[in-house]
mmCIF file of all heavy atoms, coordinates in Angstrom:
data_MODEL
# 
_entry.id   MODEL 
# 
loop_
_atom_site.group_PDB 
_atom_site.id 
_atom_site.type_symbol 
_atom_site.label_atom_id 
_atom_site.label_alt_id 
_atom_site.label_comp_id 
_atom_site.label_asym_id 
_atom_site.label_entity_id 
_atom_site.label_seq_id 
_atom_site.pdbx_PDB_ins_code 
_atom_site.Cartn_x 
_atom_site.Cartn_y 
_atom_site.Cartn_z 
_atom_site.occupancy 
_atom_site.B_iso_or_equiv 
_atom_site.pdbx_formal_charge 
_atom_site.auth_seq_id 
_atom_site.auth_comp_id 
_atom_site.auth_asym_id 
_atom_site.auth_atom_id 
_atom_site.pdbx_PDB_model_num 
ATOM 1   N N   . GLY A 1 1  ? -4.772 3.485   -1.307  1.00 0.00 ? 1  GLY A N   1 
ATOM 2   C CA  . GLY A 1 1  ? -4.019 4.716   -1.162  1.00 0.00 ? 1  GLY A CA  1 
ATOM 3   C C   . GLY A 1 1  ? -3.593 5.382   -2.448  1.00 0.00 ? 1  GLY A C   1 
ATOM 4   O O   . GLY A 1 1  ? -3.047 6.489   -2.415  1.00 0.00 ? 1  GLY A O   1 
ATOM 5   N N   . GLY A 1 2  ? -3.817 4.745   -3.589  1.00 0.00 ? 2  GLY A N   1 
ATOM 6   C CA  . GLY A 1 2  ? -3.462 5.363   -4.850  1.00 0.00 ? 2  GLY A CA  1 
ATOM 7   C C   . GLY A 1 2  ? -4.388 6.514   -5.185  1.00 0.00 ? 2  GLY A C   1 
ATOM 8   O O   . GLY A 1 2  ? -5.422 6.714   -4.559  1.00 0.00 ? 2  GLY A O   1 
ATOM 9   N N   . GLY A 1 3  ? -3.998 7.297   -6.186  1.00 0.00 ? 3  GLY A N   1 
ATOM 10  C CA  . GLY A 1 3  ? -4.808 8.421   -6.599  1.00 0.00 ? 3  GLY A CA  1 
ATOM 11  C C   . GLY A 1 3  ? -4.043 9.379   -7.474  1.00 0.00 ? 3  GLY A C   1 
ATOM 12  O O   . GLY A 1 3  ? -2.985 9.053   -8.000  1.00 0.00 ? 3  GLY A O   1 
ATOM 13  N N   . LEU A 1 4  ? -4.609 10.575  -7.621  1.00 0.00 ? 4  LEU A N   1 
ATOM 14  C CA  . LEU A 1 4  ? -4.007 11.632  -8.423  1.00 0.00 ? 4  LEU A CA  1 
ATOM 15  C C   . LEU A 1 4  ? -3.350 12.653  -7.508  1.00 0.00 ? 4  LEU A C   1 
ATOM 16  O O   . LEU A 1 4  ? -3.927 13.056  -6.493  1.00 0.00 ? 4  LEU A O   1 
ATOM 17  C CB  . LEU A 1 4  ? -5.065 12.333  -9.281  1.00 0.00 ? 4  LEU A CB  1 
ATOM 18  C CG  . LEU A 1 4  ? -5.486 11.668  -10.589 1.00 0.00 ? 4  LEU A CG  1 
ATOM 19  C CD1 . LEU A 1 4  ? -6.172 10.332  -10.335 1.00 0.00 ? 4  LEU A CD1 1 
ATOM 20  C CD2 . LEU A 1 4  ? -6.421 12.593  -11.358 1.00 0.00 ? 4  LEU A CD2 1 
ATOM 21  N N   . VAL A 1 5  ? -2.140 13.074  -7.857  1.00 0.00 ? 5  VAL A N   1 
ATOM 22  C CA  . VAL A 1 5  ? -1.408 14.043  -7.060  1.00 0.00 ? 5  VAL A CA  1 
ATOM 23  C C   . VAL A 1 5  ? -0.546 14.893  -7.989  1.00 0.00 ? 5  VAL A C   1 
ATOM 24  O O   . VAL A 1 5  ? -0.112 14.430  -9.043  1.00 0.00 ? 5  VAL A O   1 
ATOM 25  C CB  . VAL A 1 5  ? -0.546 13.339  -5.983  1.00 0.00 ? 5  VAL A CB  1 
ATOM 26  C CG1 . VAL A 1 5  ? 0.546  12.499  -6.634  1.00 0.00 ? 5  VAL A CG1 1 
ATOM 27  C CG2 . VAL A 1 5  ? 0.040  14.333  -5.000  1.00 0.00 ? 5  VAL A CG2 1 
ATOM 28  N N   . GLN A 1 6  ? -0.307 16.134  -7.606  1.00 0.00 ? 6  GLN A N   1 
ATOM 29  C CA  . GLN A 1 6  ? 0.568  17.004  -8.380  1.00 0.00 ? 6  GLN A CA  1 
ATOM 30  C C   . GLN A 1 6  ? 2.030  16.689  -8.091  1.00 0.00 ? 6  GLN A C   1 
ATOM 31  O O   . GLN A 1 6  ? 2.374  16.169  -7.030  1.00 0.00 ? 6  GLN A O   1 
ATOM 32  C CB  . GLN A 1 6  ? 0.284  18.471  -8.062  1.00 0.00 ? 6  GLN A CB  1 
ATOM 33  C CG  . GLN A 1 6  ? -1.088 18.952  -8.481  1.00 0.00 ? 6  GLN A CG  1 
ATOM 34  C CD  . GLN A 1 6  ? -1.274 20.436  -8.254  1.00 0.00 ? 6  GLN A CD  1 
ATOM 35  O OE1 . GLN A 1 6  ? -0.327 21.213  -8.243  1.00 0.00 ? 6  GLN A OE1 1 
ATOM 36  N NE2 . GLN A 1 6  ? -2.521 20.847  -8.072  1.00 0.00 ? 6  GLN A NE2 1 
ATOM 37  N N   . ALA A 1 7  ? 2.884  16.991  -9.051  1.00 0.00 ? 7  ALA A N   1 
ATOM 38  C CA  . ALA A 1 7  ? 4.319  16.800  -8.860  1.00 0.00 ? 7  ALA A CA  1 
ATOM 39  C C   . ALA A 1 7  ? 4.783  17.502  -7.587  1.00 0.00 ? 7  ALA A C   1 
ATOM 40  O O   . ALA A 1 7  ? 4.382  18.634  -7.313  1.00 0.00 ? 7  ALA A O   1 
ATOM 41  C CB  . ALA A 1 7  ? 5.090  17.317  -10.066 1.00 0.00 ? 7  ALA A CB  1 
ATOM 42  N N   . GLY A 1 8  ? 5.622  16.811  -6.826  1.00 0.00 ? 8  GLY A N   1 
ATOM 43  C CA  . GLY A 1 8  ? 6.093  17.332  -5.558  1.00 0.00 ? 8  GLY A CA  1 
ATOM 44  C C   . GLY A 1 8  ? 5.253  16.916  -4.372  1.00 0.00 ? 8  GLY A C   1 
ATOM 45  O O   . GLY A 1 8  ? 5.677  17.107  -3.222  1.00 0.00 ? 8  GLY A O   1 
ATOM 46  N N   . GLY A 1 9  ? 4.101  16.334  -4.626  1.00 0.00 ? 9  GLY A N   1 
ATOM 47  C CA  . GLY A 1 9  ? 3.215  15.908  -3.561  1.00 0.00 ? 9  GLY A CA  1 
ATOM 48  C C   . GLY A 1 9  ? 3.569  14.544  -3.018  1.00 0.00 ? 9  GLY A C   1 
ATOM 49  O O   . GLY A 1 9  ? 4.576  13.935  -3.397  1.00 0.00 ? 9  GLY A O   1 
ATOM 50  N N   . SER A 1 10 ? 2.715  14.042  -2.122  1.00 0.00 ? 10 SER A N   1 
ATOM 51  C CA  . SER A 1 10 ? 2.961  12.778  -1.437  1.00 0.00 ? 10 SER A CA  1 
ATOM 52  C C   . SER A 1 10 ? 1.730  11.890  -1.465  1.00 0.00 ? 10 SER A C   1 
ATOM 53  O O   . SER A 1 10 ? 0.591  12.365  -1.512  1.00 0.00 ? 10 SER A O   1 
ATOM 54  C CB  . SER A 1 10 ? 3.362  13.023  0.021   1.00 0.00 ? 10 SER A CB  1 
ATOM 55  O OG  . SER A 1 10 ? 4.559  13.761  0.117   1.00 0.00 ? 10 SER A OG  1 
ATOM 56  N N   . LEU A 1 11 ? 1.965  10.582  -1.433  1.00 0.00 ? 11 LEU A N   1 
ATOM 57  C CA  . LEU A 1 11 ? 0.930  9.583   -1.270  1.00 0.00 ? 11 LEU A CA  1 
ATOM 58  C C   . LEU A 1 11 ? 1.461  8.482   -0.367  1.00 0.00 ? 11 LEU A C   1 
ATOM 59  O O   . LEU A 1 11 ? 2.675  8.243   -0.320  1.00 0.00 ? 11 LEU A O   1 
ATOM 60  C CB  . LEU A 1 11 ? 0.509  8.969   -2.608  1.00 0.00 ? 11 LEU A CB  1 
ATOM 61  C CG  . LEU A 1 11 ? -0.357 9.797   -3.556  1.00 0.00 ? 11 LEU A CG  1 
ATOM 62  C CD1 . LEU A 1 11 ? -0.507 9.063   -4.894  1.00 0.00 ? 11 LEU A CD1 1 
ATOM 63  C CD2 . LEU A 1 11 ? -1.723 10.061  -2.950  1.00 0.00 ? 11 LEU A CD2 1 
ATOM 64  N N   . ARG A 1 12 ? 0.559  7.812   0.331   1.00 0.00 ? 12 ARG A N   1 
ATOM 65  C CA  . ARG A 1 12 ? 0.923  6.668   1.161   1.00 0.00 ? 12 ARG A CA  1 
ATOM 66  C C   . ARG A 1 12 ? 0.097  5.467   0.723   1.00 0.00 ? 12 ARG A C   1 
ATOM 67  O O   . ARG A 1 12 ? -1.130 5.474   0.835   1.00 0.00 ? 12 ARG A O   1 
ATOM 68  C CB  . ARG A 1 12 ? 0.677  6.964   2.639   1.00 0.00 ? 12 ARG A CB  1 
ATOM 69  C CG  . ARG A 1 12 ? 1.062  5.817   3.580   1.00 0.00 ? 12 ARG A CG  1 
ATOM 70  C CD  . ARG A 1 12 ? 0.884  6.233   5.036   1.00 0.00 ? 12 ARG A CD  1 
ATOM 71  N NE  . ARG A 1 12 ? 1.086  5.146   5.982   1.00 0.00 ? 12 ARG A NE  1 
ATOM 72  C CZ  . ARG A 1 12 ? 2.263  4.760   6.454   1.00 0.00 ? 12 ARG A CZ  1 
ATOM 73  N NH1 . ARG A 1 12 ? 3.372  5.373   6.045   1.00 0.00 ? 12 ARG A NH1 1 
ATOM 74  N NH2 . ARG A 1 12 ? 2.351  3.766   7.331   1.00 0.00 ? 12 ARG A NH2 1 
ATOM 75  N N   . LEU A 1 13 ? 0.762  4.443   0.214   1.00 0.00 ? 13 LEU A N   1 
ATOM 76  C CA  . LEU A 1 13 ? 0.107  3.215   -0.194  1.00 0.00 ? 13 LEU A CA  1 
ATOM 77  C C   . LEU A 1 13 ? 0.134  2.206   0.945   1.00 0.00 ? 13 LEU A C   1 
ATOM 78  O O   . LEU A 1 13 ? 1.105  2.133   1.703   1.00 0.00 ? 13 LEU A O   1 
ATOM 79  C CB  . LEU A 1 13 ? 0.792  2.614   -1.423  1.00 0.00 ? 13 LEU A CB  1 
ATOM 80  C CG  . LEU A 1 13 ? 0.963  3.503   -2.655  1.00 0.00 ? 13 LEU A CG  1 
ATOM 81  C CD1 . LEU A 1 13 ? 1.593  2.699   -3.791  1.00 0.00 ? 13 LEU A CD1 1 
ATOM 82  C CD2 . LEU A 1 13 ? -0.367 4.096   -3.085  1.00 0.00 ? 13 LEU A CD2 1 
ATOM 83  N N   . SER A 1 14 ? -0.926 1.414   1.045   1.00 0.00 ? 14 SER A N   1 
ATOM 84  C CA  . SER A 1 14 ? -0.994 0.363   2.043   1.00 0.00 ? 14 SER A CA  1 
ATOM 85  C C   . SER A 1 14 ? -1.430 -0.931  1.382   1.00 0.00 ? 14 SER A C   1 
ATOM 86  O O   . SER A 1 14 ? -2.172 -0.927  0.398   1.00 0.00 ? 14 SER A O   1 
ATOM 87  C CB  . SER A 1 14 ? -1.975 0.725   3.164   1.00 0.00 ? 14 SER A CB  1 
ATOM 88  O OG  . SER A 1 14 ? -1.544 1.873   3.863   1.00 0.00 ? 14 SER A OG  1 
ATOM 89  N N   . CYS A 1 15 ? -0.979 -2.047  1.924   1.00 0.00 ? 15 CYS A N   1 
ATOM 90  C CA  . CYS A 1 15 ? -1.327 -3.369  1.419   1.00 0.00 ? 15 CYS A CA  1 
ATOM 91  C C   . CYS A 1 15 ? -1.571 -4.279  2.610   1.00 0.00 ? 15 CYS A C   1 
ATOM 92  O O   . CYS A 1 15 ? -0.656 -4.498  3.420   1.00 0.00 ? 15 CYS A O   1 
ATOM 93  C CB  . CYS A 1 15 ? -0.206 -3.917  0.535   1.00 0.00 ? 15 CYS A CB  1 
ATOM 94  S SG  . CYS A 1 15 ? -0.436 -5.635  0.026   1.00 0.00 ? 15 CYS A SG  1 
ATOM 95  N N   . ALA A 1 16 ? -2.780 -4.815  2.711   1.00 0.00 ? 16 ALA A N   1 
ATOM 96  C CA  . ALA A 1 16 ? -3.152 -5.702  3.801   1.00 0.00 ? 16 ALA A CA  1 
ATOM 97  C C   . ALA A 1 16 ? -3.224 -7.138  3.300   1.00 0.00 ? 16 ALA A C   1 
ATOM 98  O O   . ALA A 1 16 ? -3.844 -7.413  2.269   1.00 0.00 ? 16 ALA A O   1 
ATOM 99  C CB  . ALA A 1 16 ? -4.490 -5.285  4.397   1.00 0.00 ? 16 ALA A CB  1 
ATOM 100 N N   . ALA A 1 17 ? -2.607 -8.048  4.036   1.00 0.00 ? 17 ALA A N   1 
ATOM 101 C CA  . ALA A 1 17 ? -2.606 -9.463  3.688   1.00 0.00 ? 17 ALA A CA  1 
ATOM 102 C C   . ALA A 1 17 ? -3.630 -10.212 4.530   1.00 0.00 ? 17 ALA A C   1 
ATOM 103 O O   . ALA A 1 17 ? -3.829 -9.913  5.706   1.00 0.00 ? 17 ALA A O   1 
ATOM 104 C CB  . ALA A 1 17 ? -1.223 -10.070 3.893   1.00 0.00 ? 17 ALA A CB  1 
ATOM 105 N N   . SER A 1 18 ? -4.263 -11.202 3.924   1.00 0.00 ? 18 SER A N   1 
ATOM 106 C CA  . SER A 1 18 ? -5.207 -12.056 4.631   1.00 0.00 ? 18 SER A CA  1 
ATOM 107 C C   . SER A 1 18 ? -5.114 -13.467 4.074   1.00 0.00 ? 18 SER A C   1 
ATOM 108 O O   . SER A 1 18 ? -4.468 -13.714 3.067   1.00 0.00 ? 18 SER A O   1 
ATOM 109 C CB  . SER A 1 18 ? -6.635 -11.521 4.514   1.00 0.00 ? 18 SER A CB  1 
ATOM 110 O OG  . SER A 1 18 ? -7.060 -11.506 3.160   1.00 0.00 ? 18 SER A OG  1 
ATOM 111 N N   . GLY A 1 19 ? -5.784 -14.411 4.746   1.00 0.00 ? 19 GLY A N   1 
ATOM 112 C CA  . GLY A 1 19 ? -5.738 -15.799 4.346   1.00 0.00 ? 19 GLY A CA  1 
ATOM 113 C C   . GLY A 1 19 ? -4.704 -16.565 5.152   1.00 0.00 ? 19 GLY A C   1 
ATOM 114 O O   . GLY A 1 19 ? -4.600 -16.390 6.362   1.00 0.00 ? 19 GLY A O   1 
ATOM 115 N N   . SER A 1 20 ? -3.933 -17.397 4.481   1.00 0.00 ? 20 SER A N   1 
ATOM 116 C CA  . SER A 1 20 ? -2.887 -18.186 5.127   1.00 0.00 ? 20 SER A CA  1 
ATOM 117 C C   . SER A 1 20 ? -1.629 -17.343 5.246   1.00 0.00 ? 20 SER A C   1 
ATOM 118 O O   . SER A 1 20 ? -0.684 -17.478 4.455   1.00 0.00 ? 20 SER A O   1 
ATOM 119 C CB  . SER A 1 20 ? -2.633 -19.467 4.331   1.00 0.00 ? 20 SER A CB  1 
ATOM 120 O OG  . SER A 1 20 ? -3.805 -20.257 4.238   1.00 0.00 ? 20 SER A OG  1 
ATOM 121 N N   . ILE A 1 21 ? -1.617 -16.475 6.244   1.00 0.00 ? 21 ILE A N   1 
ATOM 122 C CA  . ILE A 1 21 ? -0.572 -15.456 6.332   1.00 0.00 ? 21 ILE A CA  1 
ATOM 123 C C   . ILE A 1 21 ? 0.650  -15.886 7.126   1.00 0.00 ? 21 ILE A C   1 
ATOM 124 O O   . ILE A 1 21 ? 1.615  -15.123 7.220   1.00 0.00 ? 21 ILE A O   1 
ATOM 125 C CB  . ILE A 1 21 ? -1.127 -14.147 6.913   1.00 0.00 ? 21 ILE A CB  1 
ATOM 126 C CG1 . ILE A 1 21 ? -1.712 -14.386 8.305   1.00 0.00 ? 21 ILE A CG1 1 
ATOM 127 C CG2 . ILE A 1 21 ? -2.175 -13.557 5.977   1.00 0.00 ? 21 ILE A CG2 1 
ATOM 128 C CD1 . ILE A 1 21 ? -2.190 -13.123 8.995   1.00 0.00 ? 21 ILE A CD1 1 
ATOM 129 N N   . SER A 1 22 ? 0.629  -17.072 7.713   1.00 0.00 ? 22 SER A N   1 
ATOM 130 C CA  . SER A 1 22 ? 1.804  -17.550 8.421   1.00 0.00 ? 22 SER A CA  1 
ATOM 131 C C   . SER A 1 22 ? 2.940  -17.791 7.432   1.00 0.00 ? 22 SER A C   1 
ATOM 132 O O   . SER A 1 22 ? 2.715  -18.119 6.268   1.00 0.00 ? 22 SER A O   1 
ATOM 133 C CB  . SER A 1 22 ? 1.489  -18.829 9.189   1.00 0.00 ? 22 SER A CB  1 
ATOM 134 O OG  . SER A 1 22 ? 1.127  -19.878 8.308   1.00 0.00 ? 22 SER A OG  1 
ATOM 135 N N   . SER A 1 23 ? 4.156  -17.604 7.903   1.00 0.00 ? 23 SER A N   1 
ATOM 136 C CA  . SER A 1 23 ? 5.379  -17.861 7.136   1.00 0.00 ? 23 SER A CA  1 
ATOM 137 C C   . SER A 1 23 ? 5.600  -16.895 5.971   1.00 0.00 ? 23 SER A C   1 
ATOM 138 O O   . SER A 1 23 ? 6.431  -17.164 5.104   1.00 0.00 ? 23 SER A O   1 
ATOM 139 C CB  . SER A 1 23 ? 5.412  -19.303 6.615   1.00 0.00 ? 23 SER A CB  1 
ATOM 140 O OG  . SER A 1 23 ? 5.342  -20.228 7.680   1.00 0.00 ? 23 SER A OG  1 
ATOM 141 N N   . ILE A 1 24 ? 4.877  -15.780 5.935   1.00 0.00 ? 24 ILE A N   1 
ATOM 142 C CA  . ILE A 1 24 ? 5.161  -14.758 4.922   1.00 0.00 ? 24 ILE A CA  1 
ATOM 143 C C   . ILE A 1 24 ? 6.542  -14.184 5.201   1.00 0.00 ? 24 ILE A C   1 
ATOM 144 O O   . ILE A 1 24 ? 6.864  -13.811 6.326   1.00 0.00 ? 24 ILE A O   1 
ATOM 145 C CB  . ILE A 1 24 ? 4.103  -13.647 4.920   1.00 0.00 ? 24 ILE A CB  1 
ATOM 146 C CG1 . ILE A 1 24 ? 2.790  -14.159 4.334   1.00 0.00 ? 24 ILE A CG1 1 
ATOM 147 C CG2 . ILE A 1 24 ? 4.596  -12.446 4.124   1.00 0.00 ? 24 ILE A CG2 1 
ATOM 148 C CD1 . ILE A 1 24 ? 1.682  -13.128 4.306   1.00 0.00 ? 24 ILE A CD1 1 
ATOM 149 N N   . ASN A 1 25 ? 7.366  -14.124 4.173   1.00 0.00 ? 25 ASN A N   1 
ATOM 150 C CA  . ASN A 1 25 ? 8.728  -13.622 4.329   1.00 0.00 ? 25 ASN A CA  1 
ATOM 151 C C   . ASN A 1 25 ? 8.830  -12.213 3.748   1.00 0.00 ? 25 ASN A C   1 
ATOM 152 O O   . ASN A 1 25 ? 8.308  -11.266 4.327   1.00 0.00 ? 25 ASN A O   1 
ATOM 153 C CB  . ASN A 1 25 ? 9.715  -14.581 3.675   1.00 0.00 ? 25 ASN A CB  1 
ATOM 154 C CG  . ASN A 1 25 ? 11.149 -14.303 4.079   1.00 0.00 ? 25 ASN A CG  1 
ATOM 155 O OD1 . ASN A 1 25 ? 11.424 -13.476 4.946   1.00 0.00 ? 25 ASN A OD1 1 
ATOM 156 N ND2 . ASN A 1 25 ? 12.091 -14.989 3.449   1.00 0.00 ? 25 ASN A ND2 1 
# 
């Protein structure tokens, strides 16, 4: 979701977890 944007604009970042994902706090 990163990138270039002009001042005043918006971006939405996302992060997906995988692997041993149980017990993530």
